[in-house]
Protein backbone atom coordinates (compact mmCIF):
# COMPACT_ATOMS: atom_id res chain seq x y z
CA UNK A 1 48.42 5.99 45.46
CA UNK A 2 50.37 4.58 42.56
CA UNK A 3 52.03 7.91 41.75
CA UNK A 4 50.30 8.28 38.35
CA UNK A 5 48.59 11.64 37.82
CA UNK A 6 44.90 11.29 36.77
CA UNK A 7 45.30 13.68 33.84
CA UNK A 8 47.68 11.26 32.19
CA UNK A 9 44.64 9.37 30.89
CA UNK A 10 44.19 12.25 28.42
CA UNK A 11 47.30 11.00 26.67
CA UNK A 12 45.61 7.69 25.89
CA UNK A 13 44.67 7.54 22.21
CA UNK A 14 41.89 4.94 22.63
CA UNK A 15 40.07 7.25 25.06
CA UNK A 16 39.92 10.02 22.43
CA UNK A 17 39.11 7.63 19.61
CA UNK A 18 36.29 5.78 21.38
CA UNK A 19 34.60 8.94 22.63
CA UNK A 20 35.18 10.73 19.33
CA UNK A 21 33.54 7.96 17.34
CA UNK A 22 30.52 7.74 19.66
CA UNK A 23 29.88 11.48 19.98
CA UNK A 24 30.64 12.11 16.30
CA UNK A 25 28.21 9.45 15.10
CA UNK A 26 25.58 10.76 17.51
CA UNK A 27 26.01 14.33 16.22
CA UNK A 28 25.83 13.19 12.60
CA UNK A 29 22.76 11.02 13.12
CA UNK A 30 20.80 13.69 14.96
CA UNK A 31 21.62 16.21 12.23
CA UNK A 32 20.56 13.83 9.48
CA UNK A 33 17.33 12.85 11.24
CA UNK A 34 16.28 16.36 12.22
CA UNK A 35 17.48 18.50 9.34
CA UNK A 36 17.07 15.88 6.62
CA UNK A 37 13.41 15.31 7.44
CA UNK A 38 12.47 18.99 7.29
CA UNK A 39 14.79 20.50 4.71
CA UNK A 40 12.40 20.30 1.72
CA UNK A 41 8.83 19.35 2.70
CA UNK A 42 7.33 20.77 -0.50
CA UNK A 43 9.76 18.86 -2.69
CA UNK A 44 9.11 15.59 -0.86
CA UNK A 45 5.35 16.06 -0.57
CA UNK A 46 3.43 13.09 -1.98
CA UNK A 47 -0.33 12.48 -1.95
CA UNK A 48 -1.24 14.94 0.79
CA UNK A 49 -4.94 14.21 1.44
CA UNK A 50 -7.16 17.22 0.63
CA UNK A 51 -10.92 17.25 0.19
CA UNK A 52 -12.62 18.51 -2.99
CA UNK A 53 -16.28 19.40 -2.56
CA UNK A 54 -18.70 20.56 -5.23
CA UNK A 55 -21.82 21.84 -3.49
CA UNK A 56 -22.90 23.84 -6.56
CA UNK A 57 -26.56 23.30 -7.52
CA UNK A 58 -26.07 24.54 -11.07
CA UNK A 59 -28.31 26.92 -13.02
CA UNK A 60 -30.24 27.17 -16.26
CA UNK A 61 -28.40 29.15 -18.93
CA UNK A 62 -30.13 29.78 -22.27
CA UNK A 63 -32.38 26.79 -21.80
CA UNK A 64 -29.71 24.29 -20.78
CA UNK A 65 -28.54 23.08 -17.40
CA UNK A 66 -25.03 24.22 -16.45
CA UNK A 67 -22.96 23.31 -13.40
CA UNK A 68 -19.79 25.38 -13.33
CA UNK A 69 -18.79 23.77 -10.02
CA UNK A 70 -18.28 20.50 -11.86
CA UNK A 71 -16.09 22.29 -14.40
CA UNK A 72 -13.99 23.82 -11.63
CA UNK A 73 -13.45 20.56 -9.72
CA UNK A 74 -12.73 18.63 -12.91
CA UNK A 75 -10.24 21.30 -13.98
CA UNK A 76 -8.45 21.05 -10.64
CA UNK A 77 -8.25 17.27 -10.79
CA UNK A 78 -6.90 17.28 -14.37
CA UNK A 79 -4.33 20.04 -13.94
CA UNK A 80 -2.87 18.59 -10.71
CA UNK A 81 -3.17 14.87 -11.50
CA UNK A 82 0.35 14.52 -12.88
CA UNK A 83 2.15 16.22 -9.99
CA UNK A 84 1.05 13.67 -7.38
CA UNK A 85 1.65 16.08 -4.49
CA UNK A 86 -2.04 16.42 -3.59
CA UNK A 87 -4.46 13.53 -3.31
CA UNK A 88 -7.82 15.12 -4.07
CA UNK A 89 -10.62 13.27 -2.31
CA UNK A 90 -13.97 14.06 -3.94
CA UNK A 91 -16.72 14.13 -1.31
CA UNK A 92 -19.75 16.04 -0.13
CA UNK A 93 -19.80 18.61 2.67
CA UNK A 94 -20.91 16.13 5.34
CA UNK A 95 -18.13 13.69 4.45
CA UNK A 96 -15.65 16.56 4.47
CA UNK A 97 -16.70 17.67 7.96
CA UNK A 98 -16.36 14.10 9.27
CA UNK A 99 -12.93 13.64 7.67
CA UNK A 100 -11.68 16.96 9.04
CA UNK A 101 -13.02 15.98 12.47
CA UNK A 102 -10.92 12.81 12.42
CA UNK A 103 -7.72 14.34 11.07
CA UNK A 104 -8.04 12.47 7.77
CA UNK A 105 -7.68 15.66 5.71
CA UNK A 106 -5.20 18.53 5.91
CA UNK A 107 -7.65 20.84 4.19
CA UNK A 108 -10.32 21.08 1.50
CA UNK A 109 -11.60 23.19 -1.37
CA UNK A 110 -15.35 23.86 -1.49
CA UNK A 111 -17.37 25.16 -4.43
CA UNK A 112 -20.45 26.74 -2.78
CA UNK A 113 -24.04 25.93 -3.69
CA UNK A 114 -24.82 29.07 -5.69
CA UNK A 115 -21.57 29.23 -7.61
CA UNK A 116 -23.05 28.84 -11.12
CA UNK A 117 -25.78 31.39 -10.45
CA UNK A 118 -23.24 33.90 -9.13
CA UNK A 119 -20.90 33.45 -12.12
CA UNK A 120 -23.64 33.70 -14.78
CA UNK A 121 -24.97 36.82 -13.08
CA UNK A 122 -21.71 38.57 -13.97
CA UNK A 123 -22.59 38.50 -17.66
CA UNK A 124 -25.98 40.12 -16.95
CA UNK A 125 -24.63 42.91 -14.74
CA UNK A 126 -25.95 46.30 -15.80
CA UNK A 127 -23.72 49.34 -16.01
CA UNK A 128 -25.30 50.85 -12.91
CA UNK A 129 -24.96 47.68 -10.83
CA UNK A 130 -22.03 46.58 -8.69
CA UNK A 131 -21.04 43.03 -9.65
CA UNK A 132 -20.87 40.47 -6.87
CA UNK A 133 -17.88 38.17 -7.11
CA UNK A 134 -18.47 34.42 -6.56
CA UNK A 135 -16.26 32.62 -4.06
CA UNK A 136 -14.32 29.39 -3.72
CA UNK A 137 -13.65 28.41 -0.11
CA UNK A 138 -10.34 26.99 1.08
CA UNK A 139 -10.84 25.02 4.29
CA UNK A 140 -7.90 24.51 6.64
CA UNK A 141 -7.39 21.93 9.42
CA UNK A 142 -4.81 23.08 11.91
CA UNK A 143 -5.63 20.19 14.24
CA UNK A 144 -3.93 17.82 11.79
CA UNK A 145 -0.67 19.78 12.11
CA UNK A 146 0.27 23.38 11.41
CA UNK A 147 2.72 22.66 8.59
CA UNK A 148 0.46 20.12 6.90
CA UNK A 149 -2.45 22.54 7.05
CA UNK A 150 -0.25 25.33 5.65
CA UNK A 151 0.98 23.11 2.79
CA UNK A 152 -2.61 22.13 1.96
CA UNK A 153 -3.75 25.75 2.13
CA UNK A 154 -1.03 26.92 -0.25
CA UNK A 155 -1.68 24.15 -2.77
CA UNK A 156 -5.46 24.49 -2.55
CA UNK A 157 -5.39 28.27 -2.92
CA UNK A 158 -3.17 28.00 -5.99
CA UNK A 159 -5.44 25.37 -7.50
CA UNK A 160 -8.52 27.53 -6.87
CA UNK A 161 -6.91 30.61 -8.43
CA UNK A 162 -5.81 28.67 -11.52
CA UNK A 163 -9.26 27.12 -11.86
CA UNK A 164 -10.85 30.57 -11.68
CA UNK A 165 -8.59 31.87 -14.46
CA UNK A 166 -9.30 28.80 -16.59
CA UNK A 167 -13.03 29.21 -16.09
CA UNK A 168 -12.79 32.94 -16.82
CA UNK A 169 -11.06 32.25 -20.13
CA UNK A 170 -13.86 29.89 -21.16
CA UNK A 171 -16.61 32.33 -20.12
CA UNK A 172 -14.98 35.25 -21.93
CA UNK A 173 -14.64 33.19 -25.10
CA UNK A 174 -18.28 32.08 -24.88
CA UNK A 175 -19.51 35.63 -24.32
CA UNK A 176 -17.73 36.86 -27.44
CA UNK A 177 -18.86 40.34 -28.47
CA UNK A 178 -21.30 40.49 -25.58
CA UNK A 179 -18.39 40.66 -23.15
CA UNK A 180 -17.29 43.98 -24.63
CA UNK A 181 -20.67 45.50 -23.74
CA UNK A 182 -20.30 44.71 -20.06
CA UNK A 183 -19.10 47.30 -17.55
CA UNK A 184 -15.34 47.34 -17.03
CA UNK A 185 -15.61 45.85 -13.54
CA UNK A 186 -17.81 43.03 -14.80
CA UNK A 187 -15.37 42.25 -17.64
CA UNK A 188 -12.51 41.97 -15.17
CA UNK A 189 -14.53 39.66 -12.96
CA UNK A 190 -15.62 37.57 -15.90
CA UNK A 191 -11.96 36.94 -16.77
CA UNK A 192 -11.22 35.85 -13.17
CA UNK A 193 -14.64 35.21 -11.66
CA UNK A 194 -13.94 33.52 -8.33
CA UNK A 195 -12.54 35.03 -5.14
CA UNK A 196 -10.80 32.68 -2.73
CA UNK A 197 -11.82 32.79 0.92
CA UNK A 198 -10.30 30.80 3.80
CA UNK A 199 -11.97 29.33 6.86
CA UNK A 200 -10.97 26.85 9.56
CA UNK A 201 -12.72 23.54 9.02
CA UNK A 202 -12.11 22.16 12.53
CA UNK A 203 -11.57 25.01 15.02
CA UNK A 204 -9.55 24.29 18.16
CA UNK A 205 -9.76 25.79 21.60
CA UNK A 206 -7.48 28.69 22.42
CA UNK A 207 -5.09 26.67 24.61
CA UNK A 208 -4.34 24.01 22.00
CA UNK A 209 -1.03 25.39 20.81
CA UNK A 210 -2.30 25.87 17.23
CA UNK A 211 -2.65 22.10 16.96
CA UNK A 212 0.73 21.30 18.56
CA UNK A 213 -0.20 20.46 22.17
CA UNK A 214 -0.85 16.83 21.22
CA UNK A 215 2.69 16.48 19.89
CA UNK A 216 4.39 18.16 22.84
CA UNK A 217 2.28 16.25 25.36
CA UNK A 218 3.16 12.96 23.65
CA UNK A 219 6.84 13.99 23.53
CA UNK A 220 6.72 14.67 27.28
CA UNK A 221 5.34 11.16 27.90
CA UNK A 222 8.06 9.49 25.82
CA UNK A 223 10.91 11.54 27.29
CA UNK A 224 9.66 10.96 30.85
CA UNK A 225 9.48 7.22 30.21
CA UNK A 226 12.91 7.04 28.61
CA UNK A 227 14.73 9.17 31.22
CA UNK A 228 12.95 7.42 34.08
CA UNK A 229 14.20 4.11 32.71
CA UNK A 230 17.75 5.37 33.02
CA UNK A 231 17.14 6.50 36.60
CA UNK A 232 15.37 3.28 37.61
CA UNK A 233 18.04 1.09 36.01
CA UNK A 234 20.77 2.87 37.94
CA UNK A 235 18.87 2.78 41.23
CA UNK A 236 18.12 -0.94 40.90
CA UNK A 237 21.80 -1.64 40.21
CA UNK A 238 22.67 0.35 43.34
CA UNK A 239 20.04 -1.47 45.44
CA UNK A 240 21.49 -4.81 44.31
CA UNK A 241 25.02 -3.66 45.12
CA UNK A 242 26.34 -3.70 41.55
CA UNK A 243 27.18 0.01 41.40
CA UNK A 244 27.98 2.92 43.70
CA UNK A 245 25.52 5.77 44.13
CA UNK A 246 27.13 9.20 44.29
CA UNK A 247 25.09 11.80 46.20
CA UNK A 248 27.09 15.00 46.00
CA UNK A 249 30.36 14.34 47.83
CA UNK A 250 29.05 11.10 49.35
CA UNK A 251 29.48 7.70 47.76
CA UNK A 252 27.03 5.06 48.92
CA UNK A 253 27.46 1.36 48.38
CA UNK A 254 25.29 -1.58 49.34
CA UNK A 255 26.26 -5.22 49.84
CA UNK A 256 26.06 -7.28 46.67
CA UNK A 257 22.84 -9.20 46.08
CA UNK A 258 23.45 -11.52 43.18
CA UNK A 259 20.65 -11.38 40.61
CA UNK A 260 20.42 -12.76 37.11
CA UNK A 261 19.99 -10.36 34.23
CA UNK A 262 16.39 -11.52 33.81
CA UNK A 263 15.66 -10.88 37.48
CA UNK A 264 17.22 -7.42 37.29
CA UNK A 265 15.12 -6.50 34.24
CA UNK A 266 11.99 -7.87 35.94
CA UNK A 267 12.63 -5.74 39.04
CA UNK A 268 13.23 -2.61 36.92
CA UNK A 269 10.14 -3.21 34.79
CA UNK A 270 7.97 -3.71 37.88
CA UNK A 271 9.21 -0.41 39.30
CA UNK A 272 8.58 1.32 35.98
CA UNK A 273 5.03 -0.03 35.77
CA UNK A 274 4.17 1.08 39.30
CA UNK A 275 5.79 4.51 39.04
CA UNK A 276 4.10 5.16 35.70
CA UNK A 277 0.89 5.70 37.67
CA UNK A 278 2.59 8.58 39.50
CA UNK A 279 4.37 9.99 36.45
CA UNK A 280 1.29 9.86 34.19
CA UNK A 281 -0.73 11.65 36.87
CA UNK A 282 1.86 14.39 37.27
CA UNK A 283 2.30 14.91 33.52
CA UNK A 284 -1.44 15.41 33.09
CA UNK A 285 -1.66 17.57 36.21
CA UNK A 286 1.18 19.74 34.96
CA UNK A 287 -0.20 20.15 31.44
CA UNK A 288 -3.90 20.53 32.22
CA UNK A 289 -4.02 21.68 35.84
CA UNK A 290 -1.00 23.99 36.02
CA UNK A 291 -0.44 25.14 32.43
CA UNK A 292 -4.10 25.17 31.40
CA UNK A 293 -3.90 22.98 28.31
CA UNK A 294 -7.33 22.42 26.76
CA UNK A 295 -8.29 18.78 27.19
CA UNK A 296 -11.36 16.60 27.49
CA UNK A 297 -11.88 12.90 28.27
CA UNK A 298 -9.56 13.32 31.26
CA UNK A 299 -9.89 9.74 32.63
CA UNK A 300 -9.00 8.35 29.20
CA UNK A 301 -6.15 10.86 28.82
CA UNK A 302 -4.79 9.78 32.22
CA UNK A 303 -4.95 6.07 31.38
CA UNK A 304 -3.34 6.61 27.98
CA UNK A 305 -0.60 8.75 29.56
CA UNK A 306 0.21 6.09 32.16
CA UNK A 307 0.38 3.35 29.54
CA UNK A 308 2.50 5.44 27.18
CA UNK A 309 5.08 6.15 29.91
CA UNK A 310 5.13 2.50 30.99
CA UNK A 311 5.62 1.18 27.46
CA UNK A 312 8.30 3.77 26.61
CA UNK A 313 10.09 3.08 29.89
CA UNK A 314 10.01 -0.71 29.58
CA UNK A 315 11.25 -0.40 26.00
CA UNK A 316 14.18 1.74 27.17
CA UNK A 317 14.89 -0.67 30.05
CA UNK A 318 15.06 -3.55 27.57
CA UNK A 319 17.64 -1.65 25.50
CA UNK A 320 19.67 -0.85 28.62
CA UNK A 321 19.56 -4.47 29.75
CA UNK A 322 20.64 -5.82 26.39
CA UNK A 323 23.26 -3.23 25.37
CA UNK A 324 24.45 -2.05 28.77
CA UNK A 325 25.92 1.46 28.89
CA UNK A 326 25.46 2.10 25.12
CA UNK A 327 21.78 1.22 25.59
CA UNK A 328 20.97 4.79 26.62
CA UNK A 329 22.39 6.10 23.35
CA UNK A 330 20.35 3.55 21.42
CA UNK A 331 17.24 4.52 23.40
CA UNK A 332 17.88 8.20 22.69
CA UNK A 333 18.08 7.53 18.96
CA UNK A 334 14.98 5.33 18.93
CA UNK A 335 12.74 7.43 21.18
CA UNK A 336 14.00 10.92 20.29
CA UNK A 337 16.41 11.06 17.34
CA UNK A 338 14.35 9.07 14.84
CA UNK A 339 11.01 9.75 16.51
CA UNK A 340 10.59 13.54 16.56
CA UNK A 341 10.97 14.09 12.78
CA UNK A 342 8.61 11.20 11.99
CA UNK A 343 5.89 11.98 14.56
CA UNK A 344 3.49 13.41 11.94
CA UNK A 345 3.44 16.69 13.85
CA UNK A 346 6.03 19.26 12.83
CA UNK A 347 6.04 17.86 9.28
CA UNK A 348 3.27 15.66 7.84
CA UNK A 349 4.30 12.15 6.89
CA UNK A 350 3.30 12.84 3.27
CA UNK A 351 5.97 15.60 3.13
CA UNK A 352 8.83 13.41 4.40
CA UNK A 353 11.45 11.56 2.32
CA UNK A 354 10.69 7.87 1.79
CA UNK A 355 13.07 6.60 4.50
CA UNK A 356 11.39 8.74 7.14
CA UNK A 357 7.92 7.66 6.03
CA UNK A 358 9.10 4.09 6.59
CA UNK A 359 10.30 4.92 10.10
CA UNK A 360 6.98 6.60 10.89
CA UNK A 361 5.16 3.29 10.52
CA UNK A 362 6.59 1.96 13.79
CA UNK A 363 8.36 4.80 15.63
CA UNK A 364 6.81 5.03 19.14
CA UNK A 365 6.29 8.80 19.27
CA UNK A 366 4.15 8.86 16.11
CA UNK A 367 1.84 6.14 17.44
CA UNK A 368 1.49 7.78 20.85
CA UNK A 369 0.97 11.26 19.37
CA UNK A 370 -1.81 10.00 17.08
CA UNK A 371 -3.68 8.67 20.10
CA UNK A 372 -3.20 11.88 22.08
CA UNK A 373 -4.37 13.94 19.09
CA UNK A 374 -7.52 11.83 18.87
CA UNK A 375 -8.24 12.35 22.58
CA UNK A 376 -7.52 16.10 22.61
CA UNK A 377 -8.91 17.20 19.24
CA UNK A 378 -11.21 14.51 17.80
CA UNK A 379 -13.48 13.49 20.67
CA UNK A 380 -11.49 10.29 21.34
CA UNK A 381 -12.73 8.63 18.14
CA UNK A 382 -11.06 5.28 17.51
CA UNK A 383 -10.56 5.76 13.77
CA UNK A 384 -9.02 9.20 14.36
CA UNK A 385 -5.84 7.50 15.58
CA UNK A 386 -6.77 6.28 19.05
CA UNK A 387 -7.26 2.63 18.07
CA UNK A 388 -3.94 2.59 16.22
CA UNK A 389 -2.27 4.17 19.25
CA UNK A 390 -3.52 1.45 21.61
CA UNK A 391 -2.67 -1.36 19.18
CA UNK A 392 0.84 -0.09 18.46
CA UNK A 393 1.56 0.43 22.17
CA UNK A 394 0.54 -3.18 22.80
CA UNK A 395 2.77 -4.33 19.94
CA UNK A 396 5.65 -2.23 21.28
CA UNK A 397 5.25 -3.65 24.77
CA UNK A 398 5.26 -7.24 23.50
CA UNK A 399 8.32 -6.52 21.33
CA UNK A 400 10.19 -4.94 24.26
CA UNK A 401 9.38 -7.84 26.60
CA UNK A 402 10.32 -10.51 24.05
CA UNK A 403 13.52 -8.71 23.08
CA UNK A 404 14.61 -7.74 26.59
CA UNK A 405 13.84 -10.96 28.43
CA UNK A 406 14.80 -13.13 25.45
CA UNK A 407 18.30 -11.69 25.11
CA UNK A 408 18.99 -11.36 28.84
CA UNK A 409 17.76 -14.94 29.32
CA UNK A 410 20.26 -16.05 26.69
CA UNK A 411 23.00 -14.12 28.51
CA UNK A 412 22.12 -15.95 31.73
CA UNK A 413 22.09 -19.38 30.09
CA UNK A 414 25.51 -18.69 28.58
CA UNK A 415 26.89 -17.74 31.99
CA UNK A 416 27.46 -14.11 30.95
CA UNK A 417 26.81 -12.79 34.44
CA UNK A 418 27.49 -9.17 35.37
CA UNK A 419 29.87 -10.27 38.12
CA UNK A 420 31.32 -13.78 37.79
CA UNK A 421 30.44 -16.09 40.63
CA UNK A 422 33.35 -16.73 42.99
CA UNK A 423 35.25 -19.92 42.35
CA UNK A 424 34.71 -22.38 45.16
CA UNK A 425 38.03 -23.77 46.50
CA UNK A 426 38.53 -27.43 45.99
CA UNK A 427 38.22 -29.45 49.22
CA UNK A 428 41.46 -30.66 50.69
CA UNK A 429 42.09 -34.38 50.33
CA UNK A 430 43.75 -36.39 53.07
CA UNK A 431 46.50 -38.48 51.59
CA UNK A 432 47.36 -41.63 53.57
CA UNK A 433 51.09 -42.46 53.30
CA UNK A 434 51.85 -45.86 51.85
CA UNK A 435 52.69 -48.58 54.40
């Protein structure tokens, strides 16, 4: 005992400053990443992909062929072209179904096949007849993300309602005096002819979390990989004798086994790769077997889960090896702080500010979540995000290996060992006295 009370360290200014800077920056960054990404999705929305389908067959009106569906779709495209918030993709019903089934669209607007016939029938409705209102169908796609689907639904519904009013104004003007002879109900419908109905374009099973299970499952994989890296790194250091291991009141310590930084990272990465088989199995068992999450392609889901945990874990191990203790903070920012807002789940990428859209191009969680979404919701189709998920995981693994082993190898070559090697004493020299 040196007689100094432990609480005296609280008087040290550098202790407060260092911890204040680190925790303060962490609090600020998490707030900016989380709140900043979601504070105004409508204001930041740019080119949200929505289908526009005209299935109307047209009709003959006073000897000429008329297709009011074309007028409606053209009106929508013209009136919303300048805003740039919606990217209308003109397609037929088959193309729309395929795009919805791959998560390429957040929704669609469909003009049905008999739209012209239904609208023109309004002007021929007799006083004793009940007019039938034509419909425009708003198609949603919750599997692409609840918020994205909601944004598309709101924008599409507004566009359909405005198009109906625009078409009603044209029809009323064309009818002229004849419109006054129609029954009151028919005149009202002629001014706003189309009702808007909503249907789900790609229904999900009941236990799909309204399209959010893919995100939360992917988040579980990333968090498990990152936290396991922290555990494995600490346990390897303990096994090599570099650190103590506190188990409750007990402190365990092993004899020092000198290892280079490259060797330490190689040992940790090998453990992570092997244990990923166990962790991936348990994550899938917990989600599907215990909690009842709807899932198909189980062998593929298992393999993808194992690889996602391994890649996330090796990436976190590389950061820990290069940065040391601050590496866990860096890993938390990379795998959680910057990743959750840019995962294309809670908020679609098209509704994020530009900086976050840039991050989404390479953030691990987005790539992994796209692959999980393809497996769970889109029949494991490659162009639904699964191919990109595999490719980006491979790129991430190569980047982690090159970065981790490259920097730690440089540390070793520079002699920046974790514990300096003991200095060997110089051998004693026998000095023969002069004769």
